[in-house]
């Protein structure tokens, strides 16, 4: 489940995070441990995907300084935004979505709006069982628990609302104009910046528990990118300084507002907004469900959140968790 990053290993990381080179000898003296122990901690941090240079005679240095999550700072930002969501921060976890879903299935009481953010996931998941690359500190791994009392059917278009919430947060914080790919990817300049994974547990009629996972690339180390099967980008390539704690708070505020709007009016207003941000508007795309494929011109979404394709002059809507959208040739 959660593996703590604490003690001397955390102290080594914090020392590196100050910038510049740090001597292993000096670090050992400061922490009261041997040089070999320092070297072991460095190796362990490198295994977590942290980019650390070792230069003989100079010591160790981080490739980039890592913006780390701080629960107290996130809470402070949330208070300023008049949000009262309970927040938890984990250093290392299998997956933030898996952890919240375990709590749902074990019927552990949770407040709607509970947030869990982590520095690293050891089993991060994207759609259709894909692995979500989750090196330490490089990206934002974030999950939000939401209870919807209107049954499973009412939750069908939630990922549309979530995509718009990510758009809202990035626009208000960084003035970035992202586009949205159905059903749940966020693109910047034609490259994937973020993804959404909404998981449901509930009855057709009764209350429905949603775990909303959001992953945003912040500062992806080059080593991790070789495993990604599509063009990607990260926030640090487009903006100056990045305050991860402020991002968590603003994302939470935007998500809470969009979910309230969704509960009140469904996708009626959001449909128009989403279609204005559609990454594949008017393009020939292929929808694939694994077994079957359909081609058509992408016309955006309908009021239920289904994707609308124009095929032989007819408009058809498609739904389903297993549909992936690829630009046609």
C-alpha atoms as a PDB file:
ATOM      1  CA  UNK A   1       0.000   0.000   0.000  1.00  0.00           C
ATOM      2  CA  UNK A   2       1.764   3.176   1.115  1.00  0.00           C
ATOM      3  CA  UNK A   3       5.511   3.063   1.526  1.00  0.00           C
ATOM      4  CA  UNK A   4       6.774   6.026   3.487  1.00  0.00           C
ATOM      5  CA  UNK A   5       9.624   8.139   2.206  1.00  0.00           C
ATOM      6  CA  UNK A   6      11.064   9.128   5.547  1.00  0.00           C
ATOM      7  CA  UNK A   7      14.115   9.300   7.762  1.00  0.00           C
ATOM      8  CA  UNK A   8      17.516   9.594   6.112  1.00  0.00           C
ATOM      9  CA  UNK A   9      16.262   8.845   2.609  1.00  0.00           C
ATOM     10  CA  UNK A  10      13.913  11.853   2.783  1.00  0.00           C
ATOM     11  CA  UNK A  11      16.698  13.958   4.340  1.00  0.00           C
ATOM     12  CA  UNK A  12      18.996  13.065   1.407  1.00  0.00           C
ATOM     13  CA  UNK A  13      16.288  14.021  -1.096  1.00  0.00           C
ATOM     14  CA  UNK A  14      15.618  17.324   0.695  1.00  0.00           C
ATOM     15  CA  UNK A  15      19.344  18.146   0.687  1.00  0.00           C
ATOM     16  CA  UNK A  16      19.514  17.469  -3.073  1.00  0.00           C
ATOM     17  CA  UNK A  17      16.372  19.520  -3.628  1.00  0.00           C
ATOM     18  CA  UNK A  18      18.164  22.685  -2.463  1.00  0.00           C
ATOM     19  CA  UNK A  19      19.955  22.729  -5.836  1.00  0.00           C
ATOM     20  CA  UNK A  20      23.605  22.395  -6.862  1.00  0.00           C
ATOM     21  CA  UNK A  21      25.972  19.560  -5.984  1.00  0.00           C
ATOM     22  CA  UNK A  22      26.041  17.939  -2.555  1.00  0.00           C
ATOM     23  CA  UNK A  23      29.100  16.027  -1.327  1.00  0.00           C
ATOM     24  CA  UNK A  24      28.360  12.498  -0.129  1.00  0.00           C
ATOM     25  CA  UNK A  25      30.976  12.927   2.600  1.00  0.00           C
ATOM     26  CA  UNK A  26      29.359  16.130   3.882  1.00  0.00           C
ATOM     27  CA  UNK A  27      25.868  14.646   3.652  1.00  0.00           C
ATOM     28  CA  UNK A  28      26.971  11.628   5.693  1.00  0.00           C
ATOM     29  CA  UNK A  29      28.493  13.898   8.356  1.00  0.00           C
ATOM     30  CA  UNK A  30      25.337  16.037   8.572  1.00  0.00           C
ATOM     31  CA  UNK A  31      23.093  12.978   8.967  1.00  0.00           C
ATOM     32  CA  UNK A  32      25.487  10.990  11.129  1.00  0.00           C
ATOM     33  CA  UNK A  33      25.648   8.072   8.664  1.00  0.00           C
ATOM     34  CA  UNK A  34      28.430   6.502   6.608  1.00  0.00           C
ATOM     35  CA  UNK A  35      29.227   7.481   3.038  1.00  0.00           C
ATOM     36  CA  UNK A  36      28.211   3.988   1.953  1.00  0.00           C
ATOM     37  CA  UNK A  37      24.775   4.538   3.557  1.00  0.00           C
ATOM     38  CA  UNK A  38      24.410   7.831   1.644  1.00  0.00           C
ATOM     39  CA  UNK A  39      25.310   6.020  -1.570  1.00  0.00           C
ATOM     40  CA  UNK A  40      22.692   3.359  -0.794  1.00  0.00           C
ATOM     41  CA  UNK A  41      19.990   6.002  -0.260  1.00  0.00           C
ATOM     42  CA  UNK A  42      20.988   7.673  -3.554  1.00  0.00           C
ATOM     43  CA  UNK A  43      20.673   4.335  -5.396  1.00  0.00           C
ATOM     44  CA  UNK A  44      17.267   3.750  -3.809  1.00  0.00           C
ATOM     45  CA  UNK A  45      16.055   7.222  -4.878  1.00  0.00           C
ATOM     46  CA  UNK A  46      17.306   6.545  -8.428  1.00  0.00           C
ATOM     47  CA  UNK A  47      15.301   3.302  -8.467  1.00  0.00           C
ATOM     48  CA  UNK A  48      12.214   5.399  -7.699  1.00  0.00           C
ATOM     49  CA  UNK A  49      12.777   7.197 -11.001  1.00  0.00           C
ATOM     50  CA  UNK A  50      14.450  10.305  -9.553  1.00  0.00           C
ATOM     51  CA  UNK A  51      17.028  11.746 -11.934  1.00  0.00           C
ATOM     52  CA  UNK A  52      20.267  12.138  -9.899  1.00  0.00           C
ATOM     53  CA  UNK A  53      23.706  12.876 -11.388  1.00  0.00           C
ATOM     54  CA  UNK A  54      26.805  11.487  -9.698  1.00  0.00           C
ATOM     55  CA  UNK A  55      30.027  13.348 -10.490  1.00  0.00           C
ATOM     56  CA  UNK A  56      33.306  12.114  -9.041  1.00  0.00           C
ATOM     57  CA  UNK A  57      34.876  14.747  -6.786  1.00  0.00           C
ATOM     58  CA  UNK A  58      31.703  16.897  -6.764  1.00  0.00           C
ATOM     59  CA  UNK A  59      29.049  14.617  -5.319  1.00  0.00           C
ATOM     60  CA  UNK A  60      25.388  14.326  -6.229  1.00  0.00           C
ATOM     61  CA  UNK A  61      22.940  16.637  -7.950  1.00  0.00           C
ATOM     62  CA  UNK A  62      19.295  16.485  -9.000  1.00  0.00           C
ATOM     63  CA  UNK A  63      18.708  16.918 -12.718  1.00  0.00           C
ATOM     64  CA  UNK A  64      15.796  19.232 -11.808  1.00  0.00           C
ATOM     65  CA  UNK A  65      14.583  20.332  -8.433  1.00  0.00           C
ATOM     66  CA  UNK A  66      11.384  18.460  -7.635  1.00  0.00           C
ATOM     67  CA  UNK A  67       8.291  20.384  -6.595  1.00  0.00           C
ATOM     68  CA  UNK A  68       7.145  18.173  -3.709  1.00  0.00           C
ATOM     69  CA  UNK A  69       3.655  17.855  -2.237  1.00  0.00           C
ATOM     70  CA  UNK A  70       3.077  19.411   1.164  1.00  0.00           C
ATOM     71  CA  UNK A  71      -0.224  18.679   2.907  1.00  0.00           C
ATOM     72  CA  UNK A  72      -0.096  21.838   5.063  1.00  0.00           C
ATOM     73  CA  UNK A  73       0.500  24.047   2.007  1.00  0.00           C
ATOM     74  CA  UNK A  74      -2.311  22.370   0.043  1.00  0.00           C
ATOM     75  CA  UNK A  75      -4.678  22.882   3.008  1.00  0.00           C
ATOM     76  CA  UNK A  76      -3.658  26.549   3.188  1.00  0.00           C
ATOM     77  CA  UNK A  77      -4.407  27.036  -0.536  1.00  0.00           C
ATOM     78  CA  UNK A  78      -7.737  25.196  -0.160  1.00  0.00           C
ATOM     79  CA  UNK A  79      -8.733  27.465   2.755  1.00  0.00           C
ATOM     80  CA  UNK A  80      -7.910  30.565   0.684  1.00  0.00           C
ATOM     81  CA  UNK A  81     -10.165  29.172  -2.067  1.00  0.00           C
ATOM     82  CA  UNK A  82     -12.890  28.455   0.530  1.00  0.00           C
ATOM     83  CA  UNK A  83     -12.729  24.731  -0.188  1.00  0.00           C
ATOM     84  CA  UNK A  84     -13.054  22.314   2.716  1.00  0.00           C
ATOM     85  CA  UNK A  85     -12.052  19.035   1.086  1.00  0.00           C
ATOM     86  CA  UNK A  86     -10.201  16.556   3.320  1.00  0.00           C
ATOM     87  CA  UNK A  87      -6.722  15.977   1.838  1.00  0.00           C
ATOM     88  CA  UNK A  88      -4.225  13.135   2.239  1.00  0.00           C
ATOM     89  CA  UNK A  89      -0.736  13.010   0.759  1.00  0.00           C
ATOM     90  CA  UNK A  90       1.223   9.777   0.241  1.00  0.00           C
ATOM     91  CA  UNK A  91       4.861   9.520  -0.786  1.00  0.00           C
ATOM     92  CA  UNK A  92       4.614   6.139  -2.520  1.00  0.00           C
ATOM     93  CA  UNK A  93       1.424   4.168  -3.193  1.00  0.00           C
ATOM     94  CA  UNK A  94       0.305   1.437  -5.595  1.00  0.00           C
ATOM     95  CA  UNK A  95      -2.322   3.745  -7.127  1.00  0.00           C
ATOM     96  CA  UNK A  96      -4.345   6.616  -5.646  1.00  0.00           C
ATOM     97  CA  UNK A  97      -7.489   5.320  -7.402  1.00  0.00           C
ATOM     98  CA  UNK A  98      -6.942   1.764  -6.127  1.00  0.00           C
ATOM     99  CA  UNK A  99      -6.544   3.006  -2.548  1.00  0.00           C
ATOM    100  CA  UNK A 100      -9.782   5.039  -2.576  1.00  0.00           C
ATOM    101  CA  UNK A 101     -11.640   2.214  -4.334  1.00  0.00           C
ATOM    102  CA  UNK A 102     -10.467  -0.245  -1.630  1.00  0.00           C
ATOM    103  CA  UNK A 103     -11.978   2.062   0.976  1.00  0.00           C
ATOM    104  CA  UNK A 104     -15.261   2.220  -0.958  1.00  0.00           C
ATOM    105  CA  UNK A 105     -15.424  -1.567  -1.264  1.00  0.00           C
ATOM    106  CA  UNK A 106     -14.547  -2.052   2.418  1.00  0.00           C
ATOM    107  CA  UNK A 107     -17.387   0.403   3.196  1.00  0.00           C
ATOM    108  CA  UNK A 108     -15.033   2.676   5.112  1.00  0.00           C
ATOM    109  CA  UNK A 109     -16.732   6.037   5.717  1.00  0.00           C
ATOM    110  CA  UNK A 110     -15.340   8.802   3.492  1.00  0.00           C
ATOM    111  CA  UNK A 111     -16.498  12.356   2.960  1.00  0.00           C
ATOM    112  CA  UNK A 112     -17.543  13.174  -0.592  1.00  0.00           C
ATOM    113  CA  UNK A 113     -14.718  15.359  -1.905  1.00  0.00           C
ATOM    114  CA  UNK A 114     -11.923  13.381  -0.182  1.00  0.00           C
ATOM    115  CA  UNK A 115      -8.625  13.897  -2.035  1.00  0.00           C
ATOM    116  CA  UNK A 116      -5.604  11.611  -2.152  1.00  0.00           C
ATOM    117  CA  UNK A 117      -2.442  12.806  -3.920  1.00  0.00           C
ATOM    118  CA  UNK A 118       0.857  10.942  -4.204  1.00  0.00           C
ATOM    119  CA  UNK A 119       4.448  11.573  -5.269  1.00  0.00           C
ATOM    120  CA  UNK A 120       4.814   8.156  -6.896  1.00  0.00           C
ATOM    121  CA  UNK A 121       2.607   5.254  -7.937  1.00  0.00           C
ATOM    122  CA  UNK A 122       3.998   1.750  -8.232  1.00  0.00           C
ATOM    123  CA  UNK A 123       0.977   0.474 -10.156  1.00  0.00           C
ATOM    124  CA  UNK A 124      -0.512   3.568 -11.776  1.00  0.00           C
ATOM    125  CA  UNK A 125      -3.339   2.756 -14.178  1.00  0.00           C
ATOM    126  CA  UNK A 126      -4.678   4.399 -17.288  1.00  0.00           C
ATOM    127  CA  UNK A 127      -7.707   3.374 -19.293  1.00  0.00           C
ATOM    128  CA  UNK A 128      -8.107  -0.171 -20.623  1.00  0.00           C
ATOM    129  CA  UNK A 129      -5.597  -1.518 -18.102  1.00  0.00           C
ATOM    130  CA  UNK A 130      -2.675   0.476 -19.470  1.00  0.00           C
ATOM    131  CA  UNK A 131       0.142   1.446 -17.138  1.00  0.00           C
ATOM    132  CA  UNK A 132       0.300   5.135 -16.254  1.00  0.00           C
ATOM    133  CA  UNK A 133       3.984   6.109 -15.997  1.00  0.00           C
ATOM    134  CA  UNK A 134       4.411   7.337 -12.434  1.00  0.00           C
ATOM    135  CA  UNK A 135       8.035   8.192 -11.529  1.00  0.00           C
ATOM    136  CA  UNK A 136       8.624   9.907  -8.177  1.00  0.00           C
ATOM    137  CA  UNK A 137       7.779  13.615  -8.003  1.00  0.00           C
ATOM    138  CA  UNK A 138       7.651  13.950 -11.781  1.00  0.00           C
ATOM    139  CA  UNK A 139       3.907  14.251 -12.216  1.00  0.00           C
ATOM    140  CA  UNK A 140       0.703  14.778 -10.306  1.00  0.00           C
ATOM    141  CA  UNK A 141      -1.121  11.617  -9.241  1.00  0.00           C
ATOM    142  CA  UNK A 142      -4.478  12.663  -7.820  1.00  0.00           C
ATOM    143  CA  UNK A 143      -7.776  10.989  -6.913  1.00  0.00           C
ATOM    144  CA  UNK A 144     -11.063  12.485  -5.727  1.00  0.00           C
ATOM    145  CA  UNK A 145     -13.923  10.540  -4.136  1.00  0.00           C
ATOM    146  CA  UNK A 146     -17.453  11.641  -5.057  1.00  0.00           C
ATOM    147  CA  UNK A 147     -20.775  10.198  -3.968  1.00  0.00           C
ATOM    148  CA  UNK A 148     -23.664  10.550  -6.398  1.00  0.00           C
ATOM    149  CA  UNK A 149     -27.083   9.490  -5.117  1.00  0.00           C
ATOM    150  CA  UNK A 150     -28.792   9.190  -8.516  1.00  0.00           C
ATOM    151  CA  UNK A 151     -27.570   5.717  -9.545  1.00  0.00           C
ATOM    152  CA  UNK A 152     -25.000   4.454 -12.061  1.00  0.00           C
ATOM    153  CA  UNK A 153     -26.835   5.746 -15.137  1.00  0.00           C
ATOM    154  CA  UNK A 154     -26.481   9.333 -13.867  1.00  0.00           C
ATOM    155  CA  UNK A 155     -22.692   8.965 -13.754  1.00  0.00           C
ATOM    156  CA  UNK A 156     -22.259   8.249 -17.485  1.00  0.00           C
ATOM    157  CA  UNK A 157     -20.935  11.643 -18.543  1.00  0.00           C
ATOM    158  CA  UNK A 158     -18.788  12.466 -15.522  1.00  0.00           C
ATOM    159  CA  UNK A 159     -15.458  12.192 -17.385  1.00  0.00           C
ATOM    160  CA  UNK A 160     -16.635  15.069 -19.633  1.00  0.00           C
ATOM    161  CA  UNK A 161     -17.091  17.285 -16.556  1.00  0.00           C
ATOM    162  CA  UNK A 162     -13.694  16.176 -15.201  1.00  0.00           C
ATOM    163  CA  UNK A 163     -11.897  17.040 -18.461  1.00  0.00           C
ATOM    164  CA  UNK A 164     -13.430  20.519 -18.334  1.00  0.00           C
ATOM    165  CA  UNK A 165     -12.320  20.905 -14.697  1.00  0.00           C
ATOM    166  CA  UNK A 166      -8.714  20.167 -15.727  1.00  0.00           C
ATOM    167  CA  UNK A 167      -9.105  22.721 -18.541  1.00  0.00           C
ATOM    168  CA  UNK A 168     -10.452  25.293 -16.025  1.00  0.00           C
ATOM    169  CA  UNK A 169      -7.551  24.754 -13.602  1.00  0.00           C
ATOM    170  CA  UNK A 170      -4.784  24.995 -16.246  1.00  0.00           C
ATOM    171  CA  UNK A 171      -6.415  28.041 -17.840  1.00  0.00           C
ATOM    172  CA  UNK A 172      -6.841  29.931 -14.563  1.00  0.00           C
ATOM    173  CA  UNK A 173      -3.368  29.106 -13.197  1.00  0.00           C
ATOM    174  CA  UNK A 174      -1.188  29.199 -16.319  1.00  0.00           C
ATOM    175  CA  UNK A 175      -3.337  30.727 -19.095  1.00  0.00           C
ATOM    176  CA  UNK A 176      -2.829  27.531 -21.084  1.00  0.00           C
ATOM    177  CA  UNK A 177      -5.419  26.548 -23.672  1.00  0.00           C
ATOM    178  CA  UNK A 178      -5.620  22.771 -23.681  1.00  0.00           C
ATOM    179  CA  UNK A 179      -7.862  20.677 -25.908  1.00  0.00           C
ATOM    180  CA  UNK A 180      -9.855  17.586 -24.933  1.00  0.00           C
ATOM    181  CA  UNK A 181      -9.844  14.157 -26.513  1.00  0.00           C
ATOM    182  CA  UNK A 182     -12.885  11.955 -25.893  1.00  0.00           C
ATOM    183  CA  UNK A 183     -13.455  10.427 -23.470  1.00  0.00           C
ATOM    184  CA  UNK A 184     -10.760  11.542 -21.074  1.00  0.00           C
ATOM    185  CA  UNK A 185      -7.419  12.842 -22.309  1.00  0.00           C
ATOM    186  CA  UNK A 186      -6.115  16.394 -22.126  1.00  0.00           C
ATOM    187  CA  UNK A 187      -3.901  17.564 -24.983  1.00  0.00           C
ATOM    188  CA  UNK A 188      -1.600  20.545 -25.372  1.00  0.00           C
ATOM    189  CA  UNK A 189      -0.352  21.405 -28.858  1.00  0.00           C
ATOM    190  CA  UNK A 190      -1.452  17.987 -30.112  1.00  0.00           C
ATOM    191  CA  UNK A 191       0.410  16.048 -27.377  1.00  0.00           C
ATOM    192  CA  UNK A 192      -0.974  14.298 -24.309  1.00  0.00           C
ATOM    193  CA  UNK A 193      -0.543  16.327 -21.123  1.00  0.00           C
ATOM    194  CA  UNK A 194      -2.975  14.632 -18.747  1.00  0.00           C
ATOM    195  CA  UNK A 195      -5.431  11.773 -18.424  1.00  0.00           C
ATOM    196  CA  UNK A 196      -8.563  10.981 -16.451  1.00  0.00           C
ATOM    197  CA  UNK A 197      -9.740   7.615 -15.103  1.00  0.00           C
ATOM    198  CA  UNK A 198     -13.228   7.517 -13.547  1.00  0.00           C
ATOM    199  CA  UNK A 199     -14.121   4.314 -11.690  1.00  0.00           C
ATOM    200  CA  UNK A 200     -17.584   3.475 -10.379  1.00  0.00           C
ATOM    201  CA  UNK A 201     -19.015   1.301  -7.663  1.00  0.00           C
ATOM    202  CA  UNK A 202     -22.742   1.229  -6.973  1.00  0.00           C
ATOM    203  CA  UNK A 203     -26.246   0.146  -7.886  1.00  0.00           C
ATOM    204  CA  UNK A 204     -28.327   0.963 -10.938  1.00  0.00           C
ATOM    205  CA  UNK A 205     -30.813   2.735  -8.640  1.00  0.00           C
ATOM    206  CA  UNK A 206     -29.066   3.501  -5.350  1.00  0.00           C
ATOM    207  CA  UNK A 207     -26.073   5.616  -4.373  1.00  0.00           C
ATOM    208  CA  UNK A 208     -23.048   5.485  -6.643  1.00  0.00           C
ATOM    209  CA  UNK A 209     -19.444   5.880  -5.488  1.00  0.00           C
ATOM    210  CA  UNK A 210     -17.053   7.483  -7.966  1.00  0.00           C
ATOM    211  CA  UNK A 211     -13.289   7.591  -7.740  1.00  0.00           C
ATOM    212  CA  UNK A 212     -11.995  10.216 -10.147  1.00  0.00           C
ATOM    213  CA  UNK A 213      -8.304   9.837 -10.994  1.00  0.00           C
ATOM    214  CA  UNK A 214      -6.344  12.618 -12.701  1.00  0.00           C
ATOM    215  CA  UNK A 215      -2.724  12.323 -13.824  1.00  0.00           C
ATOM    216  CA  UNK A 216      -0.922  15.440 -15.090  1.00  0.00           C
ATOM    217  CA  UNK A 217       2.614  15.349 -16.513  1.00  0.00           C
ATOM    218  CA  UNK A 218       4.629  17.996 -14.676  1.00  0.00           C
ATOM    219  CA  UNK A 219       8.345  17.308 -15.129  1.00  0.00           C
ATOM    220  CA  UNK A 220       8.769  13.957 -16.848  1.00  0.00           C
ATOM    221  CA  UNK A 221      12.326  12.575 -16.683  1.00  0.00           C
ATOM    222  CA  UNK A 222      13.659  11.481 -20.079  1.00  0.00           C
ATOM    223  CA  UNK A 223      14.185   7.924 -18.832  1.00  0.00           C
ATOM    224  CA  UNK A 224      10.484   7.445 -18.086  1.00  0.00           C
ATOM    225  CA  UNK A 225       9.262   8.702 -21.427  1.00  0.00           C
ATOM    226  CA  UNK A 226      10.527   5.724 -23.430  1.00  0.00           C
ATOM    227  CA  UNK A 227       7.595   3.653 -22.121  1.00  0.00           C
ATOM    228  CA  UNK A 228       4.903   6.039 -23.395  1.00  0.00           C
ATOM    229  CA  UNK A 229       3.299   4.957 -26.659  1.00  0.00           C
ATOM    230  CA  UNK A 230       2.092   8.365 -27.911  1.00  0.00           C
ATOM    231  CA  UNK A 231       3.381  11.945 -28.245  1.00  0.00           C
ATOM    232  CA  UNK A 232       3.370  13.599 -24.802  1.00  0.00           C
ATOM    233  CA  UNK A 233       4.295  16.863 -23.150  1.00  0.00           C
ATOM    234  CA  UNK A 234       4.598  18.152 -19.591  1.00  0.00           C
ATOM    235  CA  UNK A 235       3.692  21.407 -17.846  1.00  0.00           C
ATOM    236  CA  UNK A 236       7.280  22.458 -17.116  1.00  0.00           C
ATOM    237  CA  UNK A 237       7.932  22.643 -20.888  1.00  0.00           C
ATOM    238  CA  UNK A 238       5.322  25.419 -21.165  1.00  0.00           C
ATOM    239  CA  UNK A 239       5.372  27.435 -17.947  1.00  0.00           C
ATOM    240  CA  UNK A 240       7.938  28.948 -15.594  1.00  0.00           C
ATOM    241  CA  UNK A 241       7.718  27.981 -11.950  1.00  0.00           C
ATOM    242  CA  UNK A 242       5.356  25.267 -10.874  1.00  0.00           C
ATOM    243  CA  UNK A 243       3.711  25.127  -7.451  1.00  0.00           C
ATOM    244  CA  UNK A 244       2.335  21.591  -7.203  1.00  0.00           C
ATOM    245  CA  UNK A 245       0.468  22.345  -3.970  1.00  0.00           C
ATOM    246  CA  UNK A 246      -1.358  25.286  -5.511  1.00  0.00           C
ATOM    247  CA  UNK A 247      -2.193  23.123  -8.548  1.00  0.00           C
ATOM    248  CA  UNK A 248      -3.775  20.451  -6.302  1.00  0.00           C
ATOM    249  CA  UNK A 249      -5.912  23.095  -4.562  1.00  0.00           C
ATOM    250  CA  UNK A 250      -7.074  24.863  -7.733  1.00  0.00           C
ATOM    251  CA  UNK A 251      -7.769  21.543  -9.468  1.00  0.00           C
ATOM    252  CA  UNK A 252      -9.881  20.538  -6.450  1.00  0.00           C
ATOM    253  CA  UNK A 253     -11.811  23.809  -6.554  1.00  0.00           C
ATOM    254  CA  UNK A 254     -12.486  23.476 -10.307  1.00  0.00           C
ATOM    255  CA  UNK A 255     -13.470  19.805 -10.003  1.00  0.00           C
ATOM    256  CA  UNK A 256     -15.844  20.483  -7.108  1.00  0.00           C
ATOM    257  CA  UNK A 257     -17.519  23.276  -9.119  1.00  0.00           C
ATOM    258  CA  UNK A 258     -17.878  21.142 -12.282  1.00  0.00           C
ATOM    259  CA  UNK A 259     -19.302  18.189 -10.337  1.00  0.00           C
ATOM    260  CA  UNK A 260     -21.862  20.485  -8.687  1.00  0.00           C
ATOM    261  CA  UNK A 261     -22.794  21.828 -12.142  1.00  0.00           C
ATOM    262  CA  UNK A 262     -23.050  18.258 -13.471  1.00  0.00           C
ATOM    263  CA  UNK A 263     -25.333  17.208 -10.629  1.00  0.00           C
ATOM    264  CA  UNK A 264     -27.570  20.217 -11.237  1.00  0.00           C
ATOM    265  CA  UNK A 265     -27.860  20.426 -15.025  1.00  0.00           C
ATOM    266  CA  UNK A 266     -26.052  17.372 -16.417  1.00  0.00           C
ATOM    267  CA  UNK A 267     -24.047  18.058 -19.580  1.00  0.00           C
ATOM    268  CA  UNK A 268     -26.509  20.550 -21.110  1.00  0.00           C
ATOM    269  CA  UNK A 269     -24.169  23.570 -20.781  1.00  0.00           C
ATOM    270  CA  UNK A 270     -20.928  21.603 -20.701  1.00  0.00           C
ATOM    271  CA  UNK A 271     -21.612  19.931 -24.052  1.00  0.00           C
ATOM    272  CA  UNK A 272     -21.149  23.244 -25.887  1.00  0.00           C
ATOM    273  CA  UNK A 273     -17.980  24.084 -23.939  1.00  0.00           C
ATOM    274  CA  UNK A 274     -16.503  20.631 -24.468  1.00  0.00           C
ATOM    275  CA  UNK A 275     -17.228  20.710 -28.206  1.00  0.00           C
ATOM    276  CA  UNK A 276     -15.415  24.043 -28.495  1.00  0.00           C
ATOM    277  CA  UNK A 277     -12.315  22.318 -27.029  1.00  0.00           C
ATOM    278  CA  UNK A 278     -12.608  19.044 -28.992  1.00  0.00           C
ATOM    279  CA  UNK A 279      -9.074  18.067 -30.089  1.00  0.00           C
ATOM    280  CA  UNK A 280     -10.397  16.130 -33.127  1.00  0.00           C
ATOM    281  CA  UNK A 281     -13.225  18.425 -34.258  1.00  0.00           C
ATOM    282  CA  UNK A 282     -14.106  17.808 -37.911  1.00  0.00           C
ATOM    283  CA  UNK A 283     -11.373  15.203 -38.378  1.00  0.00           C
ATOM    284  CA  UNK A 284     -11.699  11.635 -39.600  1.00  0.00           C
ATOM    285  CA  UNK A 285     -11.160   9.353 -36.603  1.00  0.00           C
ATOM    286  CA  UNK A 286     -11.259   5.638 -35.866  1.00  0.00           C
ATOM    287  CA  UNK A 287     -13.169   4.388 -32.854  1.00  0.00           C
ATOM    288  CA  UNK A 288     -11.995   1.033 -31.645  1.00  0.00           C
ATOM    289  CA  UNK A 289     -13.425  -1.226 -28.941  1.00  0.00           C
ATOM    290  CA  UNK A 290     -10.803  -3.929 -29.308  1.00  0.00           C
ATOM    291  CA  UNK A 291     -13.024  -6.222 -31.418  1.00  0.00           C
ATOM    292  CA  UNK A 292     -14.664  -3.630 -33.681  1.00  0.00           C
ATOM    293  CA  UNK A 293     -13.739  -0.400 -35.399  1.00  0.00           C
ATOM    294  CA  UNK A 294     -15.751   2.468 -36.836  1.00  0.00           C
ATOM    295  CA  UNK A 295     -14.558   5.400 -38.914  1.00  0.00           C
ATOM    296  CA  UNK A 296     -16.251   8.728 -39.239  1.00  0.00           C
ATOM    297  CA  UNK A 297     -15.916  12.491 -38.902  1.00  0.00           C
ATOM    298  CA  UNK A 298     -15.695  13.547 -35.243  1.00  0.00           C
ATOM    299  CA  UNK A 299     -18.585  15.903 -34.486  1.00  0.00           C
ATOM    300  CA  UNK A 300     -18.052  16.189 -30.712  1.00  0.00           C
ATOM    301  CA  UNK A 301     -20.270  14.882 -27.919  1.00  0.00           C
ATOM    302  CA  UNK A 302     -24.008  14.634 -27.363  1.00  0.00           C
ATOM    303  CA  UNK A 303     -25.875  15.551 -24.149  1.00  0.00           C
ATOM    304  CA  UNK A 304     -25.208  12.133 -22.601  1.00  0.00           C
ATOM    305  CA  UNK A 305     -21.463  12.468 -23.166  1.00  0.00           C
ATOM    306  CA  UNK A 306     -21.324   9.979 -26.053  1.00  0.00           C
ATOM    307  CA  UNK A 307     -19.038  10.683 -29.013  1.00  0.00           C
ATOM    308  CA  UNK A 308     -20.861  11.647 -32.211  1.00  0.00           C
ATOM    309  CA  UNK A 309     -19.485  10.440 -35.550  1.00  0.00           C
ATOM    310  CA  UNK A 310     -20.764  11.464 -38.967  1.00  0.00           C
ATOM    311  CA  UNK A 311     -20.859   8.292 -41.071  1.00  0.00           C
ATOM    312  CA  UNK A 312     -22.250   8.341 -44.616  1.00  0.00           C
ATOM    313  CA  UNK A 313     -24.101  11.561 -43.843  1.00  0.00           C
ATOM    314  CA  UNK A 314     -25.696  10.165 -40.670  1.00  0.00           C
ATOM    315  CA  UNK A 315     -24.860  11.154 -37.092  1.00  0.00           C
ATOM    316  CA  UNK A 316     -24.341   8.266 -34.684  1.00  0.00           C
ATOM    317  CA  UNK A 317     -23.457   8.380 -30.974  1.00  0.00           C
ATOM    318  CA  UNK A 318     -21.133   5.864 -29.347  1.00  0.00           C
ATOM    319  CA  UNK A 319     -20.577   5.149 -25.652  1.00  0.00           C
ATOM    320  CA  UNK A 320     -18.656   2.589 -23.683  1.00  0.00           C
ATOM    321  CA  UNK A 321     -15.627   2.333 -21.466  1.00  0.00           C
ATOM    322  CA  UNK A 322     -13.505   0.462 -23.994  1.00  0.00           C
ATOM    323  CA  UNK A 323     -13.590   2.907 -26.869  1.00  0.00           C
ATOM    324  CA  UNK A 324     -10.327   4.538 -27.871  1.00  0.00           C
ATOM    325  CA  UNK A 325     -10.212   7.364 -30.336  1.00  0.00           C
ATOM    326  CA  UNK A 326      -7.434   7.535 -32.931  1.00  0.00           C
ATOM    327  CA  UNK A 327      -7.037  10.089 -35.641  1.00  0.00           C
ATOM    328  CA  UNK A 328      -7.811   8.483 -39.027  1.00  0.00           C
ATOM    329  CA  UNK A 329      -5.212   8.437 -41.797  1.00  0.00           C
END
